[in-house]
N, C-alpha and C. Protein backbone atom coordinates (compact mmCIF):
# COMPACT_ATOMS: atom_id res chain seq x y z
N MET A 1 17.12 6.79 13.30
CA MET A 1 15.79 7.23 13.67
C MET A 1 15.40 8.43 12.80
N PRO A 2 14.23 8.36 12.17
CA PRO A 2 13.79 9.49 11.34
C PRO A 2 13.52 10.74 12.18
N SER A 3 13.70 11.89 11.56
CA SER A 3 13.45 13.15 12.25
C SER A 3 11.95 13.36 12.43
N ALA A 4 11.61 14.26 13.34
CA ALA A 4 10.20 14.57 13.58
C ALA A 4 9.55 15.12 12.32
N ARG A 5 10.27 15.91 11.57
CA ARG A 5 9.73 16.49 10.33
C ARG A 5 9.39 15.38 9.34
N ARG A 6 10.29 14.41 9.19
CA ARG A 6 10.05 13.30 8.26
C ARG A 6 8.84 12.47 8.71
N LEU A 7 8.71 12.26 10.01
CA LEU A 7 7.58 11.51 10.53
C LEU A 7 6.26 12.23 10.27
N VAL A 8 6.24 13.54 10.46
CA VAL A 8 5.02 14.32 10.22
C VAL A 8 4.68 14.32 8.74
N LEU A 9 5.68 14.48 7.88
CA LEU A 9 5.43 14.44 6.43
C LEU A 9 4.91 13.07 6.00
N ALA A 10 5.46 12.02 6.57
CA ALA A 10 4.97 10.67 6.25
C ALA A 10 3.54 10.50 6.72
N TRP A 11 3.24 11.01 7.91
CA TRP A 11 1.87 10.93 8.43
C TRP A 11 0.91 11.68 7.51
N ALA A 12 1.30 12.86 7.05
CA ALA A 12 0.44 13.64 6.15
C ALA A 12 0.21 12.89 4.83
N LEU A 13 1.26 12.28 4.30
CA LEU A 13 1.12 11.50 3.07
C LEU A 13 0.21 10.31 3.29
N LEU A 14 0.38 9.60 4.40
CA LEU A 14 -0.48 8.45 4.70
C LEU A 14 -1.93 8.87 4.85
N THR A 15 -2.16 10.02 5.46
CA THR A 15 -3.52 10.53 5.60
C THR A 15 -4.13 10.86 4.25
N ALA A 16 -3.36 11.52 3.39
CA ALA A 16 -3.85 11.86 2.05
C ALA A 16 -4.13 10.60 1.24
N LEU A 17 -3.27 9.61 1.36
CA LEU A 17 -3.49 8.35 0.64
C LEU A 17 -4.70 7.60 1.17
N THR A 18 -4.97 7.70 2.45
CA THR A 18 -6.17 7.09 3.02
C THR A 18 -7.42 7.74 2.45
N VAL A 19 -7.42 9.06 2.36
CA VAL A 19 -8.55 9.77 1.76
C VAL A 19 -8.71 9.36 0.30
N ALA A 20 -7.61 9.25 -0.43
CA ALA A 20 -7.67 8.82 -1.83
C ALA A 20 -8.26 7.42 -1.95
N SER A 21 -7.90 6.53 -1.05
CA SER A 21 -8.46 5.18 -1.05
C SER A 21 -9.96 5.20 -0.78
N MET A 22 -10.36 6.03 0.16
CA MET A 22 -11.78 6.13 0.50
C MET A 22 -12.58 6.66 -0.68
N VAL A 23 -12.06 7.66 -1.37
CA VAL A 23 -12.75 8.22 -2.53
C VAL A 23 -12.83 7.18 -3.64
N ALA A 24 -11.73 6.50 -3.91
CA ALA A 24 -11.73 5.48 -4.96
C ALA A 24 -12.68 4.34 -4.61
N GLY A 25 -12.74 3.97 -3.36
CA GLY A 25 -13.64 2.90 -2.93
C GLY A 25 -15.10 3.28 -3.01
N SER A 26 -15.41 4.54 -2.75
CA SER A 26 -16.80 4.98 -2.79
C SER A 26 -17.32 5.13 -4.21
N MET A 27 -16.42 5.21 -5.18
CA MET A 27 -16.84 5.36 -6.57
C MET A 27 -17.30 4.03 -7.17
N GLY A 28 -16.91 2.92 -6.58
CA GLY A 28 -17.34 1.62 -7.07
C GLY A 28 -16.92 1.36 -8.50
N ALA A 29 -15.65 1.52 -8.81
CA ALA A 29 -15.16 1.42 -10.18
C ALA A 29 -14.77 0.00 -10.57
N GLY A 30 -15.21 -1.00 -9.84
CA GLY A 30 -14.91 -2.38 -10.19
C GLY A 30 -13.45 -2.73 -9.99
N MET A 31 -12.94 -3.55 -10.91
CA MET A 31 -11.56 -4.02 -10.79
C MET A 31 -10.55 -2.88 -10.95
N GLY A 32 -10.86 -1.90 -11.76
CA GLY A 32 -9.96 -0.76 -11.91
C GLY A 32 -9.82 0.01 -10.61
N GLY A 33 -10.94 0.24 -9.95
CA GLY A 33 -10.91 0.91 -8.66
C GLY A 33 -10.18 0.10 -7.61
N ALA A 34 -10.39 -1.21 -7.64
CA ALA A 34 -9.70 -2.09 -6.69
C ALA A 34 -8.19 -2.06 -6.94
N ALA A 35 -7.79 -2.03 -8.20
CA ALA A 35 -6.36 -1.96 -8.52
C ALA A 35 -5.76 -0.65 -8.02
N VAL A 36 -6.50 0.44 -8.16
CA VAL A 36 -6.01 1.74 -7.67
C VAL A 36 -5.87 1.70 -6.15
N ILE A 37 -6.86 1.16 -5.48
CA ILE A 37 -6.81 1.08 -4.02
C ILE A 37 -5.63 0.22 -3.57
N LEU A 38 -5.39 -0.89 -4.26
CA LEU A 38 -4.26 -1.75 -3.89
C LEU A 38 -2.92 -1.09 -4.19
N ALA A 39 -2.86 -0.29 -5.25
CA ALA A 39 -1.62 0.44 -5.55
C ALA A 39 -1.35 1.47 -4.45
N VAL A 40 -2.40 2.14 -4.00
CA VAL A 40 -2.25 3.10 -2.90
C VAL A 40 -1.82 2.36 -1.63
N THR A 41 -2.37 1.17 -1.43
CA THR A 41 -1.99 0.35 -0.28
C THR A 41 -0.51 0.00 -0.32
N LEU A 42 0.00 -0.30 -1.50
CA LEU A 42 1.43 -0.60 -1.65
C LEU A 42 2.28 0.61 -1.24
N ILE A 43 1.88 1.78 -1.70
CA ILE A 43 2.62 3.00 -1.35
C ILE A 43 2.58 3.23 0.17
N LYS A 44 1.39 3.05 0.76
CA LYS A 44 1.27 3.24 2.20
C LYS A 44 2.12 2.24 2.98
N ALA A 45 2.10 0.99 2.55
CA ALA A 45 2.89 -0.03 3.24
C ALA A 45 4.38 0.29 3.16
N ARG A 46 4.84 0.73 1.99
CA ARG A 46 6.26 1.08 1.84
C ARG A 46 6.61 2.27 2.74
N GLN A 47 5.73 3.25 2.83
CA GLN A 47 5.99 4.40 3.70
C GLN A 47 6.12 3.97 5.16
N ILE A 48 5.20 3.12 5.60
CA ILE A 48 5.24 2.66 6.98
C ILE A 48 6.52 1.88 7.25
N LEU A 49 6.86 0.99 6.33
CA LEU A 49 8.09 0.21 6.50
C LEU A 49 9.33 1.09 6.48
N ASP A 50 9.40 2.00 5.52
CA ASP A 50 10.60 2.83 5.37
C ASP A 50 10.76 3.87 6.48
N ILE A 51 9.68 4.55 6.81
CA ILE A 51 9.77 5.67 7.75
C ILE A 51 9.59 5.20 9.20
N TYR A 52 8.45 4.60 9.50
CA TYR A 52 8.14 4.29 10.89
C TYR A 52 8.91 3.08 11.41
N LEU A 53 9.16 2.09 10.56
CA LEU A 53 9.92 0.92 10.99
C LEU A 53 11.39 1.03 10.60
N ASN A 54 11.76 2.15 9.96
CA ASN A 54 13.14 2.48 9.59
C ASN A 54 13.80 1.39 8.74
N LEU A 55 13.00 0.77 7.87
CA LEU A 55 13.55 -0.23 6.96
C LEU A 55 14.46 0.41 5.92
N ARG A 56 14.35 1.72 5.76
CA ARG A 56 15.21 2.43 4.83
C ARG A 56 16.69 2.26 5.19
N ALA A 57 16.96 2.05 6.47
CA ALA A 57 18.35 1.87 6.91
C ALA A 57 18.81 0.41 6.80
N ALA A 58 17.90 -0.49 6.44
CA ALA A 58 18.25 -1.90 6.33
C ALA A 58 18.93 -2.19 5.00
N THR A 59 19.45 -3.38 4.88
CA THR A 59 20.10 -3.78 3.63
C THR A 59 19.07 -3.96 2.52
N THR A 60 19.56 -3.96 1.30
CA THR A 60 18.68 -4.08 0.14
C THR A 60 17.90 -5.39 0.17
N GLY A 61 18.50 -6.44 0.65
CA GLY A 61 17.83 -7.73 0.72
C GLY A 61 16.56 -7.69 1.54
N TRP A 62 16.61 -7.04 2.69
CA TRP A 62 15.42 -6.92 3.53
C TRP A 62 14.34 -6.09 2.85
N ARG A 63 14.76 -5.01 2.21
CA ARG A 63 13.78 -4.15 1.53
C ARG A 63 13.10 -4.90 0.40
N VAL A 64 13.88 -5.63 -0.38
CA VAL A 64 13.32 -6.40 -1.49
C VAL A 64 12.40 -7.49 -0.97
N ALA A 65 12.80 -8.16 0.10
CA ALA A 65 11.98 -9.24 0.67
C ALA A 65 10.63 -8.71 1.15
N PHE A 66 10.63 -7.59 1.86
CA PHE A 66 9.37 -7.04 2.35
C PHE A 66 8.50 -6.53 1.20
N THR A 67 9.10 -5.91 0.21
CA THR A 67 8.34 -5.44 -0.94
C THR A 67 7.74 -6.62 -1.70
N ALA A 68 8.51 -7.68 -1.86
CA ALA A 68 8.00 -8.88 -2.54
C ALA A 68 6.84 -9.49 -1.76
N LEU A 69 6.94 -9.52 -0.45
CA LEU A 69 5.86 -10.05 0.37
C LEU A 69 4.60 -9.20 0.24
N ILE A 70 4.75 -7.90 0.26
CA ILE A 70 3.60 -7.01 0.10
C ILE A 70 2.97 -7.23 -1.27
N LEU A 71 3.79 -7.30 -2.31
CA LEU A 71 3.27 -7.53 -3.66
C LEU A 71 2.55 -8.87 -3.76
N LEU A 72 3.08 -9.89 -3.11
CA LEU A 72 2.43 -11.20 -3.10
C LEU A 72 1.05 -11.12 -2.46
N ILE A 73 0.98 -10.49 -1.31
CA ILE A 73 -0.30 -10.35 -0.60
C ILE A 73 -1.30 -9.56 -1.45
N LEU A 74 -0.87 -8.44 -2.01
CA LEU A 74 -1.77 -7.63 -2.82
C LEU A 74 -2.18 -8.37 -4.09
N GLY A 75 -1.28 -9.16 -4.66
CA GLY A 75 -1.62 -9.97 -5.82
C GLY A 75 -2.67 -11.02 -5.49
N ILE A 76 -2.55 -11.64 -4.33
CA ILE A 76 -3.55 -12.63 -3.89
C ILE A 76 -4.90 -11.95 -3.70
N VAL A 77 -4.91 -10.79 -3.09
CA VAL A 77 -6.17 -10.06 -2.87
C VAL A 77 -6.81 -9.69 -4.21
N LEU A 78 -6.02 -9.16 -5.14
CA LEU A 78 -6.55 -8.78 -6.45
C LEU A 78 -7.05 -10.01 -7.20
N SER A 79 -6.33 -11.11 -7.11
CA SER A 79 -6.77 -12.35 -7.76
C SER A 79 -8.08 -12.85 -7.16
N ALA A 80 -8.21 -12.77 -5.85
CA ALA A 80 -9.45 -13.20 -5.20
C ALA A 80 -10.62 -12.32 -5.63
N LEU A 81 -10.39 -11.02 -5.75
CA LEU A 81 -11.45 -10.12 -6.22
C LEU A 81 -11.85 -10.45 -7.65
N ALA A 82 -10.87 -10.72 -8.50
CA ALA A 82 -11.17 -11.06 -9.89
C ALA A 82 -11.91 -12.39 -9.96
N LEU A 83 -11.51 -13.35 -9.17
CA LEU A 83 -12.17 -14.65 -9.15
C LEU A 83 -13.60 -14.54 -8.64
N ALA A 84 -13.82 -13.69 -7.67
CA ALA A 84 -15.17 -13.49 -7.12
C ALA A 84 -16.11 -12.90 -8.16
N GLN A 85 -15.59 -12.12 -9.09
CA GLN A 85 -16.43 -11.56 -10.14
C GLN A 85 -16.76 -12.58 -11.21
N VAL A 86 -15.88 -13.56 -11.40
CA VAL A 86 -16.07 -14.57 -12.45
C VAL A 86 -16.98 -15.69 -11.97
N LEU A 87 -16.79 -16.13 -10.74
CA LEU A 87 -17.58 -17.24 -10.21
C LEU A 87 -18.96 -16.76 -9.79
N PRO A 88 -19.96 -17.63 -9.98
CA PRO A 88 -21.33 -17.24 -9.58
C PRO A 88 -21.53 -17.20 -8.09
């Protein structure tokens, strides 16, 4: 179980990353902005998995599997955004 200090630090990081996502989203930077937001999303997802769900204590296989799943989902989202810009 993570310590209270680690949980608070993770919460502060997640809050800062949320603000960064909001700022990047409000700038309307197209695909570059979307890529930045999705990269921030990856960091946030890893923090939640590692700290709050204590995946850090799990075996490497579980960590790799969850990271691969997150990357797959974010890749699908980015591909859909790119496709939406190409198609009329």
